[in-house]
Protein backbone atom coordinates (compact mmCIF):
# COMPACT_ATOMS: atom_id res chain seq x y z
CA MET A 1 -138.97 -5.65 5.65
CA ASN A 2 -135.24 -6.06 4.74
CA ILE A 3 -133.28 -9.15 3.19
CA TYR A 4 -129.43 -8.82 3.25
CA LEU A 5 -126.78 -9.30 0.50
CA PRO A 6 -123.23 -8.94 0.23
CA GLU A 7 -122.51 -5.27 -0.79
CA SER A 8 -120.87 -6.00 -4.29
CA LEU A 9 -123.68 -8.20 -5.17
CA TYR A 10 -126.02 -5.73 -4.01
CA ASN A 11 -123.96 -2.98 -6.37
CA GLN A 12 -124.26 -5.25 -9.12
CA LEU A 13 -127.78 -5.69 -8.75
CA ASN A 14 -128.28 -1.78 -8.23
CA ASP A 15 -126.53 -0.47 -11.31
CA PRO A 16 -128.96 2.18 -13.11
CA ASN A 17 -127.69 1.08 -16.21
CA ILE A 18 -127.59 -3.12 -15.75
CA PHE A 19 -131.16 -3.45 -17.58
CA LYS A 20 -130.04 -1.19 -20.64
CA GLY A 21 -130.69 -3.07 -24.12
CA TYR A 22 -131.87 -6.72 -21.89
CA ILE A 23 -135.02 -7.75 -23.47
CA THR A 24 -137.32 -10.28 -21.05
CA LYS A 25 -138.68 -13.33 -22.25
CA GLY A 26 -142.47 -12.93 -21.17
CA TRP A 27 -142.29 -11.19 -18.42
CA LYS A 28 -145.66 -9.37 -17.66
CA THR A 29 -148.37 -9.66 -20.63
CA LYS A 30 -146.20 -9.22 -23.80
CA PRO A 31 -144.13 -11.94 -25.21
CA SER A 32 -140.82 -9.87 -24.75
CA GLN A 33 -140.20 -6.51 -24.35
CA GLU A 34 -137.12 -4.25 -22.91
CA ILE A 35 -137.06 -3.07 -19.07
CA LYS A 36 -137.90 0.35 -19.51
CA THR A 37 -140.66 1.59 -17.46
CA ASP A 38 -139.68 2.76 -13.60
CA THR A 39 -142.38 -0.12 -12.14
CA LEU A 40 -140.91 -2.75 -14.57
CA GLN A 41 -137.12 -2.31 -13.61
CA ARG A 42 -138.44 -2.03 -9.91
CA ASN A 43 -140.22 -5.19 -10.09
CA PHE A 44 -137.81 -6.83 -12.08
CA ARG A 45 -134.67 -5.54 -9.66
CA GLU A 46 -136.82 -6.45 -6.23
CA SER A 47 -136.95 -10.37 -7.63
CA CYS A 48 -133.66 -10.59 -8.45
CA TYR A 49 -132.65 -9.90 -5.37
CA ILE A 50 -134.94 -12.34 -4.03
CA ILE A 51 -133.43 -14.94 -5.96
CA CYS A 52 -130.30 -14.24 -5.13
CA HIS A 53 -130.83 -13.93 -1.52
CA ILE A 54 -132.39 -17.75 -2.10
CA ILE A 55 -129.21 -19.06 -4.05
CA LEU A 56 -127.20 -17.40 -1.46
CA MET A 57 -129.12 -19.38 1.56
CA ASP A 58 -129.42 -22.70 -0.56
CA ILE A 59 -125.53 -23.05 -1.82
CA ALA A 60 -124.57 -22.06 2.37
CA MET A 61 -127.02 -24.50 3.52
CA GLY A 62 -125.26 -26.92 0.96
CA GLN A 63 -122.27 -29.43 1.53
CA THR A 64 -120.17 -31.33 -0.86
CA LYS A 65 -119.75 -34.62 -2.20
CA GLU A 66 -117.98 -35.45 1.56
CA GLY A 67 -120.13 -34.18 3.73
CA LYS A 68 -118.28 -30.75 4.27
CA ALA A 69 -120.12 -27.37 4.31
CA ASN A 70 -119.92 -25.50 1.28
CA THR A 71 -117.23 -22.68 1.90
CA SER A 72 -117.60 -20.32 -1.13
CA PHE A 73 -120.38 -19.08 -2.90
CA ASN A 74 -118.44 -20.29 -5.86
CA GLN A 75 -119.51 -23.69 -5.01
CA HIS A 76 -122.98 -24.64 -5.98
CA ALA A 77 -126.69 -25.81 -4.82
CA ALA A 78 -129.25 -27.40 -6.47
CA VAL A 79 -132.29 -24.63 -6.34
CA ASP A 80 -135.39 -25.80 -5.55
CA SER A 81 -137.80 -24.22 -8.23
CA ARG A 82 -140.78 -24.76 -6.38
CA GLU A 83 -139.33 -22.17 -3.77
CA LEU A 84 -138.66 -19.76 -6.12
CA ASN A 85 -141.87 -19.93 -7.82
CA TYR A 86 -143.85 -19.61 -4.48
CA TYR A 87 -141.82 -16.22 -4.11
CA VAL A 88 -140.86 -14.62 -7.57
CA ARG A 89 -143.67 -15.05 -10.89
CA ARG A 90 -141.30 -15.72 -13.73
CA TYR A 91 -138.57 -16.62 -11.82
CA LYS A 92 -136.96 -18.13 -15.22
CA ASP A 93 -136.85 -14.96 -16.85
CA MET A 94 -135.05 -13.26 -13.73
CA LEU A 95 -132.20 -16.65 -13.93
CA ASP A 96 -132.22 -15.96 -17.53
CA PHE A 97 -131.50 -12.40 -17.00
CA LEU A 98 -128.68 -13.09 -14.20
CA LYS A 99 -126.68 -15.36 -15.94
CA ALA A 100 -126.64 -13.01 -18.93
CA LYS A 101 -125.05 -10.61 -16.51
CA ASN A 102 -122.57 -13.05 -15.30
CA ILE A 103 -123.78 -12.82 -11.55
CA ILE A 104 -124.56 -16.35 -11.36
CA GLY A 105 -123.58 -19.46 -13.46
CA VAL A 106 -125.00 -22.86 -13.89
CA LEU A 107 -122.51 -25.93 -13.01
CA LYS A 108 -121.18 -27.95 -16.15
CA LYS A 109 -120.11 -31.39 -16.76
CA LYS A 110 -118.33 -32.08 -20.12
CA GLY A 111 -119.70 -28.49 -21.33
CA ARG A 112 -123.07 -29.33 -20.53
CA GLU A 113 -125.18 -27.92 -18.12
CA SER A 114 -125.45 -30.23 -15.11
CA TYR A 115 -128.90 -31.38 -13.78
CA SER A 116 -129.69 -32.38 -10.04
CA ALA A 117 -131.23 -36.07 -10.24
CA GLY A 118 -133.37 -35.67 -7.91
CA ASN A 119 -131.95 -36.68 -4.97
CA ASN A 120 -132.04 -34.93 -1.30
CA GLY A 121 -135.85 -33.89 -1.90
CA PHE A 122 -135.09 -31.82 -5.23
CA GLU A 123 -136.92 -32.57 -8.16
CA PRO A 124 -135.20 -33.70 -10.90
CA MET A 125 -133.84 -31.45 -13.57
CA ALA A 126 -133.32 -28.51 -10.95
CA LYS A 127 -130.18 -26.65 -12.03
CA ARG A 128 -127.21 -26.31 -9.66
CA TYR A 129 -126.12 -22.50 -9.39
CA TYR A 130 -123.22 -20.83 -8.25
CA PHE A 131 -122.18 -17.14 -7.91
CA ILE A 132 -119.59 -15.98 -10.55
CA GLY A 133 -118.03 -12.90 -8.41
CA GLU A 134 -116.33 -13.12 -5.40
CA LEU A 135 -118.28 -12.63 -2.36
CA GLU A 136 -115.83 -13.42 0.41
CA GLY A 137 -115.21 -10.51 2.75
CA GLN A 138 -117.73 -8.01 1.93
CA LYS A 139 -120.24 -5.95 3.60
CA LEU A 140 -124.02 -6.99 4.26
CA VAL A 141 -126.52 -4.69 2.91
CA ALA A 142 -129.90 -4.18 4.13
CA VAL A 143 -132.48 -4.30 0.87
CA PRO A 144 -136.07 -3.64 1.65
CA ILE A 145 -138.69 -5.32 0.22
CA LYS A 146 -141.45 -2.96 -0.86
CA GLY A 147 -143.47 -5.14 -3.71
CA LYS A 148 -146.74 -5.61 -1.60
CA ILE A 149 -146.82 -9.28 -3.54
CA ARG A 150 -143.32 -9.96 -2.32
CA LEU A 151 -143.53 -8.63 0.87
CA LYS A 152 -146.54 -10.56 1.95
CA LYS A 153 -144.94 -13.81 0.50
CA LEU A 154 -141.69 -13.11 2.66
CA THR A 155 -143.73 -12.43 5.53
CA GLU A 156 -147.00 -14.93 5.82
CA LYS A 157 -145.63 -18.00 7.06
CA ARG A 158 -146.56 -21.62 5.57
CA LEU A 159 -147.17 -24.70 7.42
CA ASN A 160 -145.51 -27.80 6.43
CA ARG A 161 -143.17 -26.74 3.59
CA THR A 162 -141.21 -30.01 2.49
CA TYR A 163 -138.58 -30.32 0.84
CA GLN A 164 -139.38 -34.42 0.34
CA ASN A 165 -141.14 -35.44 -2.90
CA LYS A 166 -144.33 -36.95 -1.92
CA LYS A 167 -143.45 -40.32 -2.72
CA GLU A 168 -141.23 -40.60 -0.02
CA GLU A 169 -143.08 -38.96 2.57
CA VAL A 170 -143.78 -40.64 5.81
CA PRO A 171 -147.10 -40.62 7.48
CA LEU A 172 -147.33 -39.07 11.06
CA THR A 173 -148.40 -41.22 14.37
CA LYS A 174 -151.16 -39.66 15.90
CA ALA A 175 -149.09 -38.55 18.67
CA LEU A 176 -146.55 -37.07 16.13
CA LEU A 177 -149.67 -34.81 14.79
CA LYS A 178 -150.66 -33.76 18.16
CA TYR A 179 -146.74 -32.84 18.95
CA ARG A 180 -146.78 -30.98 15.48
CA ASP A 181 -149.77 -28.90 16.88
CA ILE A 182 -148.51 -28.08 20.10
CA LEU A 183 -144.90 -27.18 19.17
CA PHE A 184 -146.17 -24.31 16.91
CA SER A 185 -148.65 -23.36 18.58
CA ARG A 186 -147.16 -23.04 21.51
CA ILE A 187 -143.71 -22.22 20.90
CA SER A 188 -142.20 -19.55 18.54
CA LEU A 189 -138.70 -17.66 17.77
CA ASN A 190 -138.00 -14.29 17.89
CA ALA A 191 -136.89 -14.05 14.41
CA ASP A 192 -136.28 -10.48 14.12
CA LYS A 193 -133.79 -10.17 17.27
CA ALA A 194 -132.48 -13.72 15.88
CA ILE A 195 -131.98 -11.63 12.80
CA GLU A 196 -130.42 -8.54 14.33
CA TYR A 197 -127.88 -10.62 16.37
CA ALA A 198 -126.51 -12.34 13.51
CA ILE A 199 -126.06 -9.25 11.94
CA ASP A 200 -124.42 -8.08 14.76
CA LYS A 201 -122.06 -10.84 15.00
CA TYR A 202 -120.57 -11.17 11.38
CA GLU A 203 -120.34 -6.86 11.46
CA ARG A 204 -118.17 -7.75 14.75
CA GLY A 205 -116.02 -10.52 13.32
CA GLY A 206 -118.06 -13.77 14.62
CA TYR A 207 -118.66 -15.27 11.26
CA ASP A 208 -115.16 -15.74 9.61
CA LYS A 209 -116.74 -16.76 6.25
CA ILE A 210 -119.45 -14.95 5.11
CA THR A 211 -121.16 -18.68 4.38
CA LYS A 212 -120.72 -19.11 7.89
CA PHE A 213 -123.09 -16.23 8.65
CA TYR A 214 -125.77 -17.21 5.71
CA ARG A 215 -125.82 -20.74 6.98
CA ALA A 216 -126.66 -19.52 10.52
CA TYR A 217 -129.08 -17.31 9.53
CA ALA A 218 -130.89 -19.18 6.85
CA PRO A 219 -133.49 -21.23 9.21
CA VAL A 220 -133.84 -18.32 11.22
CA PHE A 221 -135.16 -16.21 7.98
CA ARG A 222 -137.07 -19.20 6.77
CA PHE A 223 -138.69 -19.81 10.15
CA ARG A 224 -139.97 -16.49 9.20
CA THR A 225 -141.64 -17.81 6.46
CA SER A 226 -142.87 -20.47 6.63
CA THR A 227 -142.18 -24.28 8.91
CA TYR A 228 -141.94 -27.51 7.98
CA PHE A 229 -142.32 -30.90 10.30
CA GLN A 230 -141.39 -34.32 8.49
CA LEU A 231 -140.09 -37.73 9.25
CA GLU A 232 -137.11 -39.00 7.03
CA PRO A 233 -137.95 -41.68 5.11
CA PHE A 234 -136.52 -45.08 6.36
CA VAL A 235 -134.84 -44.08 9.29
CA CYS A 236 -137.90 -41.67 10.35
CA ARG A 237 -135.64 -38.87 12.22
CA LEU A 238 -137.69 -36.15 12.68
CA HIS A 239 -136.80 -32.55 11.21
CA HIS A 240 -138.49 -29.60 11.87
CA SER A 241 -138.23 -25.90 11.78
CA PHE A 242 -136.34 -25.56 15.43
CA THR A 243 -134.20 -28.26 14.70
CA GLY A 244 -132.17 -26.66 12.03
CA LEU A 245 -131.53 -23.53 14.29
CA ASN A 246 -127.93 -22.66 15.04
CA ASN A 247 -127.12 -22.91 18.82
CA ASP A 248 -126.65 -19.32 18.95
CA TYR A 249 -129.97 -18.98 18.13
CA ARG A 250 -131.79 -20.58 20.97
CA GLN A 251 -132.02 -17.81 23.52
CA PHE A 252 -134.50 -16.23 21.15
CA LEU A 253 -136.92 -19.08 21.60
CA VAL A 254 -140.22 -18.10 23.03
CA PHE A 255 -142.27 -20.45 25.28
CA ASP A 256 -146.06 -19.89 25.58
CA LYS A 257 -145.40 -16.07 24.59
CA VAL A 258 -143.67 -15.56 27.86
CA GLU A 259 -139.89 -14.18 27.02
CA GLY A 260 -136.68 -14.61 29.07
CA GLN A 261 -137.92 -17.87 30.62
CA LYS A 262 -135.04 -20.11 31.36
CA LEU A 263 -134.25 -23.04 28.70
CA VAL A 264 -132.20 -25.69 28.94
CA GLU A 265 -131.27 -28.63 26.44
CA VAL A 266 -131.24 -32.04 27.85
CA ASP A 267 -128.62 -33.95 25.78
CA VAL A 268 -127.09 -37.33 25.33
CA SER A 269 -123.40 -37.64 25.54
CA ALA A 270 -121.56 -39.72 23.13
CA CYS A 271 -124.91 -40.62 21.54
CA ASN A 272 -123.36 -42.29 18.16
CA PRO A 273 -120.82 -44.32 20.10
CA PHE A 274 -123.25 -45.31 22.82
CA LEU A 275 -125.85 -46.67 20.30
CA LEU A 276 -123.57 -48.47 17.86
CA ALA A 277 -122.13 -50.68 21.32
CA ALA A 278 -125.40 -50.89 22.48
CA HIS A 279 -127.10 -52.02 19.11
CA LEU A 280 -123.76 -54.54 18.62
CA TRP A 281 -124.35 -55.85 22.83
CA LYS A 282 -128.33 -56.34 21.80
CA GLU A 283 -127.37 -58.37 19.05
CA GLY A 284 -125.45 -60.95 21.21
CA ASN A 285 -122.11 -59.99 20.81
CA ARG A 286 -119.80 -60.29 23.84
CA ASP A 287 -116.21 -59.54 22.30
CA LYS A 288 -114.12 -58.24 25.40
CA ASN A 289 -112.81 -55.11 23.18
CA LEU A 290 -116.73 -54.27 22.49
CA ASP A 291 -117.15 -54.66 26.36
CA THR A 292 -114.16 -52.27 27.50
CA PHE A 293 -115.77 -49.88 24.33
CA PHE A 294 -119.44 -49.86 25.90
CA ASN A 295 -117.90 -49.22 28.79
CA LEU A 296 -116.20 -46.19 27.73
CA THR A 297 -119.70 -44.82 26.25
CA VAL A 298 -121.06 -44.48 29.34
CA LYS A 299 -118.03 -42.16 31.48
CA GLN A 300 -118.53 -38.82 31.96
CA ASP A 301 -116.45 -37.69 28.72
CA PHE A 302 -116.43 -40.61 26.64
CA TYR A 303 -114.36 -38.53 23.68
CA THR A 304 -111.12 -37.75 26.26
CA GLU A 305 -111.09 -41.18 27.97
CA ILE A 306 -111.01 -43.19 24.50
CA PHE A 307 -107.97 -40.89 23.30
CA ARG A 308 -106.42 -41.41 27.11
CA TYR A 309 -107.08 -45.11 26.64
CA CYS A 310 -105.47 -45.25 22.81
CA ILE A 311 -102.11 -43.56 24.22
CA GLN A 312 -102.06 -45.78 27.13
CA HIS A 313 -102.20 -48.71 25.32
CA THR A 314 -99.99 -47.34 22.18
CA PRO A 315 -97.52 -45.73 23.77
CA GLU A 316 -95.44 -45.84 20.62
CA MET A 317 -98.27 -44.07 18.98
CA SER A 318 -98.86 -41.42 21.13
CA GLU A 319 -96.57 -38.34 20.18
CA VAL A 320 -97.73 -38.84 16.62
CA LEU A 321 -101.73 -38.46 18.38
CA LYS A 322 -100.57 -35.47 20.41
CA SER A 323 -99.43 -33.67 17.86
CA LYS A 324 -103.40 -33.57 16.75
CA TYR A 325 -105.66 -34.20 19.67
CA PHE A 326 -103.52 -32.40 22.80
CA ASP A 327 -104.12 -28.78 23.18
CA SER A 328 -102.06 -25.78 23.54
CA GLU A 329 -102.38 -26.31 27.72
CA GLY A 330 -101.40 -30.34 27.42
CA GLY A 331 -104.67 -31.63 27.57
CA VAL A 332 -107.11 -33.80 25.40
CA ASN A 333 -108.66 -31.59 23.01
CA ARG A 334 -112.21 -33.15 22.92
CA LYS A 335 -113.42 -31.32 19.99
CA ALA A 336 -110.84 -32.36 17.73
CA VAL A 337 -111.03 -36.39 18.95
CA LYS A 338 -115.16 -35.95 18.54
CA THR A 339 -114.80 -34.84 15.67
CA SER A 340 -112.50 -37.74 13.87
CA ILE A 341 -114.58 -40.25 15.10
CA ASN A 342 -117.73 -38.57 13.64
CA LYS A 343 -115.20 -38.64 10.61
CA PHE A 344 -114.77 -42.30 10.90
CA PHE A 345 -118.48 -43.33 11.15
CA ASN A 346 -119.21 -42.00 7.61
CA ARG A 347 -116.34 -42.82 5.84
CA THR A 348 -115.08 -46.19 4.07
CA GLY A 349 -112.20 -48.30 5.78
CA GLU A 350 -110.19 -47.13 3.26
CA ALA A 351 -110.74 -43.20 3.28
CA ASN A 352 -110.00 -43.66 7.21
CA ARG A 353 -106.92 -45.48 6.53
CA THR A 354 -105.49 -42.94 3.72
CA LYS A 355 -107.10 -39.23 4.34
CA GLY A 356 -106.76 -36.60 7.30
CA GLY A 357 -103.09 -36.80 7.61
CA GLU A 358 -100.49 -38.96 9.60
CA ALA A 359 -102.41 -37.86 13.05
CA GLU A 360 -106.07 -38.58 12.10
CA THR A 361 -105.26 -42.11 10.04
CA THR A 362 -103.08 -43.32 12.80
CA PHE A 363 -106.16 -42.67 15.30
CA TYR A 364 -108.53 -44.73 13.47
CA LYS A 365 -105.52 -47.23 12.80
CA VAL A 366 -105.46 -47.21 16.72
CA LEU A 367 -109.20 -47.64 17.30
CA PHE A 368 -109.40 -50.44 14.91
CA GLN A 369 -106.80 -52.50 16.49
CA HIS A 370 -108.28 -51.96 19.99
CA PHE A 371 -111.58 -52.07 19.14
CA PRO A 372 -112.06 -54.49 15.96
CA THR A 373 -115.39 -55.54 16.60
CA VAL A 374 -117.06 -51.83 16.35
CA PHE A 375 -114.72 -50.43 13.64
CA TYR A 376 -115.26 -53.59 11.52
CA GLU A 377 -119.00 -53.08 11.79
CA VAL A 378 -118.54 -49.39 10.75
CA GLU A 379 -116.97 -50.78 7.78
CA ARG A 380 -118.96 -53.36 7.20
CA LEU A 381 -122.37 -50.87 6.99
CA ASN A 382 -120.77 -48.54 4.82
CA ALA A 383 -119.48 -50.67 2.58
CA GLU A 384 -122.85 -52.34 2.32
CA SER A 385 -124.55 -49.10 1.55
CA VAL A 386 -122.38 -48.10 -1.48
CA LYS A 387 -122.63 -51.24 -3.17
CA GLU A 388 -126.54 -50.92 -2.71
CA GLY A 389 -125.83 -47.29 -4.50
CA HIS A 390 -126.87 -45.36 -1.45
CA GLY A 391 -123.73 -43.75 -0.65
CA LEU A 392 -121.72 -43.67 2.93
CA THR A 393 -125.14 -43.53 4.75
CA GLY A 394 -125.13 -47.38 6.39
CA VAL A 395 -123.90 -46.31 10.21
CA TYR A 396 -126.07 -42.95 9.64
CA ASP A 397 -129.02 -45.01 8.84
CA LEU A 398 -128.40 -47.58 12.05
CA LEU A 399 -127.65 -44.97 14.41
CA THR A 400 -130.62 -42.09 13.41
CA GLY A 401 -133.50 -45.11 13.24
CA LEU A 402 -131.68 -46.31 16.70
CA GLU A 403 -131.63 -42.46 18.30
CA SER A 404 -135.50 -42.19 17.01
CA GLY A 405 -136.57 -45.59 18.61
CA VAL A 406 -135.86 -43.24 21.70
CA THR A 407 -136.71 -39.68 21.28
CA ILE A 408 -139.50 -40.10 19.03
CA ASP A 409 -141.56 -43.13 20.06
CA TYR A 410 -140.70 -43.13 23.38
CA VAL A 411 -140.42 -39.59 24.66
CA VAL A 412 -142.24 -37.69 22.71
CA PRO A 413 -145.99 -39.90 23.12
CA ARG A 414 -144.70 -39.60 27.32
CA ILE A 415 -144.01 -36.05 27.14
CA LEU A 416 -147.69 -35.23 25.42
CA LYS A 417 -149.12 -37.06 28.26
CA LYS A 418 -147.68 -35.19 31.36
CA GLY A 419 -148.34 -32.59 29.48
CA ILE A 420 -144.58 -30.99 29.26
CA LEU A 421 -143.96 -28.22 26.21
CA ALA A 422 -140.56 -29.25 24.61
CA ILE A 423 -138.83 -29.42 21.35
CA THR A 424 -136.78 -32.28 20.12
CA ARG A 425 -133.61 -32.07 18.84
CA HIS A 426 -132.65 -35.58 17.50
CA ASP A 427 -130.60 -36.63 20.38
CA GLY A 428 -131.57 -33.95 22.59
CA ILE A 429 -134.27 -32.00 24.03
CA ILE A 430 -134.68 -28.60 25.07
CA CYS A 431 -137.30 -27.42 27.42
CA LEU A 432 -138.31 -25.50 30.35
CA GLU A 433 -135.67 -25.60 33.38
CA LYS A 434 -138.59 -27.20 35.63
CA ASP A 435 -139.32 -29.74 33.19
CA ALA A 436 -135.77 -31.24 32.72
CA LYS A 437 -135.50 -33.79 35.47
CA ALA A 438 -138.56 -35.03 34.35
CA ILE A 439 -137.65 -35.31 30.85
CA GLU A 440 -133.89 -36.87 32.02
CA ASP A 441 -136.10 -39.71 33.43
CA LEU A 442 -137.76 -40.40 30.60
CA MET A 443 -135.18 -40.64 28.38
CA VAL A 444 -133.12 -42.66 30.83
CA LYS A 445 -135.78 -45.07 31.00
CA GLY A 446 -136.20 -45.15 27.07
CA PHE A 447 -132.68 -46.56 26.77
CA GLU A 448 -132.66 -48.88 29.34
CA GLU A 449 -136.01 -50.43 28.56
CA ILE A 450 -134.86 -50.43 24.65
CA PHE A 451 -131.15 -51.69 25.21
CA GLY A 452 -131.06 -53.14 28.69
CA GLU A 453 -130.19 -51.84 31.93
CA GLU A 454 -127.46 -49.69 30.58
CA SER A 455 -128.00 -45.85 29.72
CA PRO A 456 -125.94 -43.16 28.01
CA VAL A 457 -124.46 -40.05 30.16
CA ILE A 458 -127.42 -37.26 29.77
CA LYS A 459 -126.45 -34.20 31.05
CA ILE A 460 -128.80 -31.04 31.25
CA LYS A 461 -127.28 -27.83 29.87
CA SER A 462 -128.16 -24.30 30.22
CA ILE A 463 -128.90 -22.22 26.90
CA LYS A 464 -126.71 -19.49 26.92
CA GLN A 465 -128.82 -16.13 27.02
CA GLU A 466 -126.10 -13.16 25.68
CA VAL A 467 -128.90 -10.72 24.90
CA SER A 468 -132.27 -9.70 26.80
CA ILE A 469 -135.38 -10.35 24.42
């Protein structure tokens, strides 16, 4: 079995002189010893490969305080010592060695090493690591793992790995326990094919940064070694091994051990804007601007329609807005509009009015001008969550809780009764093409029963299949 490391990192670890004069701190049976024998060097080096591989994935999957994905391995991530301990015995000794050789560093604040406070499921006092050398633009080297114990750890799948602290775990209902058993017994991922695809895509320039490769690769690799299934505390959003898969790798999903079946995703269009409007409407708000916003959320293309509404009703701002939100052919850049609105939902009002450049801040001000009921609620929810010490989670907590009410509480028990095999993916559901219409009908009924007569636009999207499996 291979793991993949950037070439310069591999060369550092593979240097025959790297262990010269280094004294371990309690590795194997002796309290301390020099790494001289071939066996000890081989075991120590292979363990360092695995630790670096884990840190690479953790940094790539991490994000900044502003919620942006890490784009460099010089950025840092709190590494879960429970995971290190599972794969590598005496992992602390390897971390000390990697630090001593200036391969990794520990984030420092005010001259002292920085530790995790225990947020996001990491135990308190986990150090935050980063790579000292520049790894961008490197070739990937396939590193074979041969140690029997380490190889077993990397190939023996564990069920229900969880990063949540035990005190935060949310009990699963009987329906979800049944769904979990069906999910992992009847649906799988051809991880070997998926990893081959990821490597090939990287070598062809399909990822412009090596961190993007590892961000897509990590969930696939970890699917081969372990699985997890858990509800997020408070909002009860369901996370499992399949939800983290990059869109490119859905083509490698296998239902009932039959490869190559036609898969689709039943997806809610503009789910978050719809849920926010539907929630305010259900709460009894009948402001005219909310009614207009609500009507836009049930259009076939909300993001294009709301932008057109803004420039039509605020013509004096149209040139500024078009500079960012029109594509080269003069049409609305739907992706740019969607990205900005998602940012607006997860920032303070002050940040929305001051950050992001002239076009983006203007767009927010225009949205607030035309839809004050909606965006006042966004500002209020996020301001309250910050005041309570929860960060910018106010809108997120509300909308994910509402989303879970439909997909997890309403749809999942009903697909179990109908015997439909499917993968929940937050506001979308992946299934066989033959089951798509039944799931679409269930989702429409769920939204209508919970929020009233209106249902958002629900689309059935084909899952691309670029390679034969």
